[in-house]
Amino acid sequence: MKFKHFLDRPITIQQNDCIVLNNIHDRSNPISTKCINATYCTFRNIISDSDGGAISVVWTDSSLVFIDHCTFLVCSSKSNGGAIFVNIYPTQTGQLFAIHSTFSHCTADNVYNNQYTRGGAIYCYTDMINFTNTKFLNCGVNSNVGCCYGGA
């Protein structure tokens, strides 16, 4: 059985509490935060009518988004963040980590003629972003109007 158009909008993750080390060298002072953890996932051919092709995270609390060994293939949004949209406010409380992951042919497509379209693969508005052993292949923003920012 083939799941065509399995998702018609990005996955929205509910807030769950987790403990994060504030400093990896000082394990005595952990902080409590909200987390999303996607590990060994594949997101393929997902098209979203809103922000974030596969994952959309919008929180107003301290938050951690952790992507590990995930693959995003041909994901797109009709606004910001072709594969992932992260908007954590206030920004000093948000973190995004992507480790051993691949983003390939992901796009943010400005079909609504927005003034700004950002993040071909990822749009991230947080305090800290960390990419380790992560590849971005042929990702970008498509628009005929307005300002476009960020292929990755």
Protein backbone atom coordinates (compact mmCIF):
# COMPACT_ATOMS: atom_id res chain seq x y z
CA MET A 1 0.00 0.00 0.00
CA LYS A 2 1.37 3.40 -0.95
CA PHE A 3 0.58 6.40 1.23
CA LYS A 4 0.23 9.30 -1.14
CA HIS A 5 -0.27 12.62 0.62
CA PHE A 6 -0.10 10.85 3.99
CA LEU A 7 0.45 14.18 5.76
CA ASP A 8 -1.37 17.28 4.58
CA ARG A 9 0.32 19.47 7.21
CA PRO A 10 3.51 19.27 9.28
CA ILE A 11 3.71 17.09 12.36
CA THR A 12 2.94 19.16 15.43
CA ILE A 13 4.57 17.92 18.60
CA GLN A 14 2.93 18.49 21.95
CA GLN A 15 5.13 19.78 24.74
CA ASN A 16 6.79 17.18 26.95
CA ASP A 17 9.08 17.86 29.86
CA CYS A 18 12.69 16.74 29.73
CA ILE A 19 15.90 17.47 31.55
CA VAL A 20 18.81 19.07 29.67
CA LEU A 21 22.30 19.70 30.93
CA ASN A 22 22.97 23.42 31.01
CA ASN A 23 26.69 22.70 30.68
CA ILE A 24 27.91 19.27 29.57
CA HIS A 25 30.93 19.64 31.84
CA ASP A 26 28.81 20.40 34.92
CA ARG A 27 26.18 17.70 35.37
CA SER A 28 25.09 19.10 38.75
CA ASN A 29 22.92 21.89 37.28
CA PRO A 30 20.37 20.41 34.83
CA ILE A 31 17.48 22.53 33.57
CA SER A 32 13.90 21.47 32.90
CA THR A 33 12.59 22.28 29.43
CA LYS A 34 10.14 21.22 26.72
CA CYS A 35 11.55 18.84 24.10
CA ILE A 36 11.00 17.30 20.72
CA ASN A 37 13.26 14.40 19.86
CA ALA A 38 13.16 12.89 16.35
CA THR A 39 15.58 9.97 15.98
CA TYR A 40 16.06 7.64 12.99
CA CYS A 41 13.13 9.15 11.08
CA THR A 42 12.64 9.58 7.35
CA PHE A 43 10.38 12.31 6.01
CA ARG A 44 9.80 12.01 2.26
CA ASN A 45 7.72 14.02 -0.24
CA ILE A 46 5.89 16.08 2.37
CA ILE A 47 4.27 19.32 1.24
CA SER A 48 2.86 21.72 3.81
CA ASP A 49 0.51 24.64 3.21
CA SER A 50 2.01 26.43 6.21
CA ASP A 51 5.38 26.81 7.95
CA GLY A 52 7.56 23.70 8.19
CA GLY A 53 7.23 20.97 5.59
CA ALA A 54 7.68 18.03 7.98
CA ILE A 55 8.04 19.51 11.48
CA SER A 56 6.71 22.76 12.90
CA VAL A 57 7.62 23.82 16.45
CA VAL A 58 6.20 27.03 17.91
CA TRP A 59 6.57 27.46 21.67
CA THR A 60 6.79 30.25 24.20
CA ASP A 61 8.67 28.19 26.78
CA SER A 62 12.24 27.02 27.14
CA SER A 63 12.56 24.37 24.41
CA LEU A 64 14.98 21.92 22.84
CA VAL A 65 14.55 20.44 19.35
CA PHE A 66 16.83 17.45 18.76
CA ILE A 67 17.07 15.81 15.31
CA ASP A 68 19.31 12.72 15.22
CA HIS A 69 19.99 10.41 12.24
CA CYS A 70 17.00 11.74 10.31
CA THR A 71 16.52 12.15 6.57
CA PHE A 72 14.35 14.81 4.94
CA LEU A 73 13.82 14.17 1.20
CA VAL A 74 11.86 16.53 -1.06
CA CYS A 75 10.03 18.30 1.76
CA SER A 76 8.52 21.71 1.13
CA SER A 77 6.43 24.38 2.76
CA LYS A 78 4.45 27.17 1.18
CA SER A 79 5.97 29.62 3.62
CA ASN A 80 9.08 29.26 5.85
CA GLY A 81 11.24 26.20 6.51
CA GLY A 82 10.95 23.60 3.76
CA ALA A 83 11.56 20.68 6.16
CA ILE A 84 11.63 22.20 9.67
CA PHE A 85 10.19 25.39 11.15
CA VAL A 86 11.29 26.31 14.69
CA ASN A 87 10.08 29.52 16.31
CA ILE A 88 10.77 29.70 20.04
CA TYR A 89 10.11 32.97 21.80
CA PRO A 90 11.84 34.37 23.69
CA THR A 91 14.77 33.18 21.61
CA GLN A 92 17.21 32.92 24.53
CA THR A 93 15.31 29.84 25.70
CA GLY A 94 15.40 27.78 22.49
CA GLN A 95 17.90 25.31 21.06
CA LEU A 96 18.02 23.28 17.85
CA PHE A 97 20.42 20.37 17.35
CA ALA A 98 20.68 18.34 14.12
CA ILE A 99 23.16 15.47 14.26
CA HIS A 100 24.02 12.93 11.53
CA SER A 101 21.05 14.04 9.42
CA THR A 102 20.45 14.83 5.76
CA PHE A 103 18.25 17.44 4.08
CA SER A 104 17.93 16.88 0.34
CA HIS A 105 15.86 18.87 -2.19
CA CYS A 106 13.90 20.70 0.50
CA THR A 107 12.36 24.06 -0.42
CA ALA A 108 10.38 26.94 0.97
CA ASP A 109 8.08 28.02 -1.83
CA ASN A 110 6.64 31.53 -1.68
CA VAL A 111 3.28 30.71 -3.24
CA TYR A 112 1.44 33.26 -1.08
CA ASN A 113 3.63 36.16 -2.29
CA ASN A 114 4.84 36.84 1.25
CA GLN A 115 7.20 39.72 1.73
CA TYR A 116 9.74 37.31 3.25
CA THR A 117 10.33 33.61 2.68
CA ARG A 118 13.08 31.99 4.71
CA GLY A 119 14.86 28.68 5.10
CA GLY A 120 14.91 26.25 2.21
CA ALA A 121 15.47 23.31 4.56
CA ILE A 122 15.22 24.95 8.01
CA TYR A 123 13.82 28.15 9.42
CA CYS A 124 15.05 28.55 12.99
CA TYR A 125 14.40 31.42 15.39
CA THR A 126 16.17 30.34 18.60
CA ASP A 127 19.15 31.20 20.74
CA MET A 128 21.39 28.28 19.81
CA ILE A 129 21.72 26.18 16.66
CA ASN A 130 24.15 23.28 16.34
CA PHE A 131 24.60 21.12 13.23
CA THR A 132 27.04 18.20 13.47
CA ASN A 133 27.73 15.83 10.56
CA THR A 134 24.60 17.11 8.82
CA LYS A 135 24.28 17.52 5.04
CA PHE A 136 22.25 20.02 3.03
CA LEU A 137 21.90 19.04 -0.63
CA ASN A 138 20.08 21.18 -3.22
CA CYS A 139 17.89 23.02 -0.72
CA GLY A 140 16.66 26.57 -1.32
CA VAL A 141 13.91 29.16 -1.48
CA ASN A 142 11.66 29.62 -4.52
CA SER A 143 10.01 33.00 -4.99
CA ASN A 144 9.10 35.45 -7.70
CA VAL A 145 8.53 38.32 -5.26
CA GLY A 146 9.82 39.60 -1.94
CA CYS A 147 13.01 38.84 -0.11
CA CYS A 148 14.33 35.32 0.25
CA TYR A 149 16.78 34.19 2.91
CA GLY A 150 18.68 30.98 3.56
CA GLY A 151 19.07 27.91 1.43
CA ALA A 152 19.65 25.72 4.44
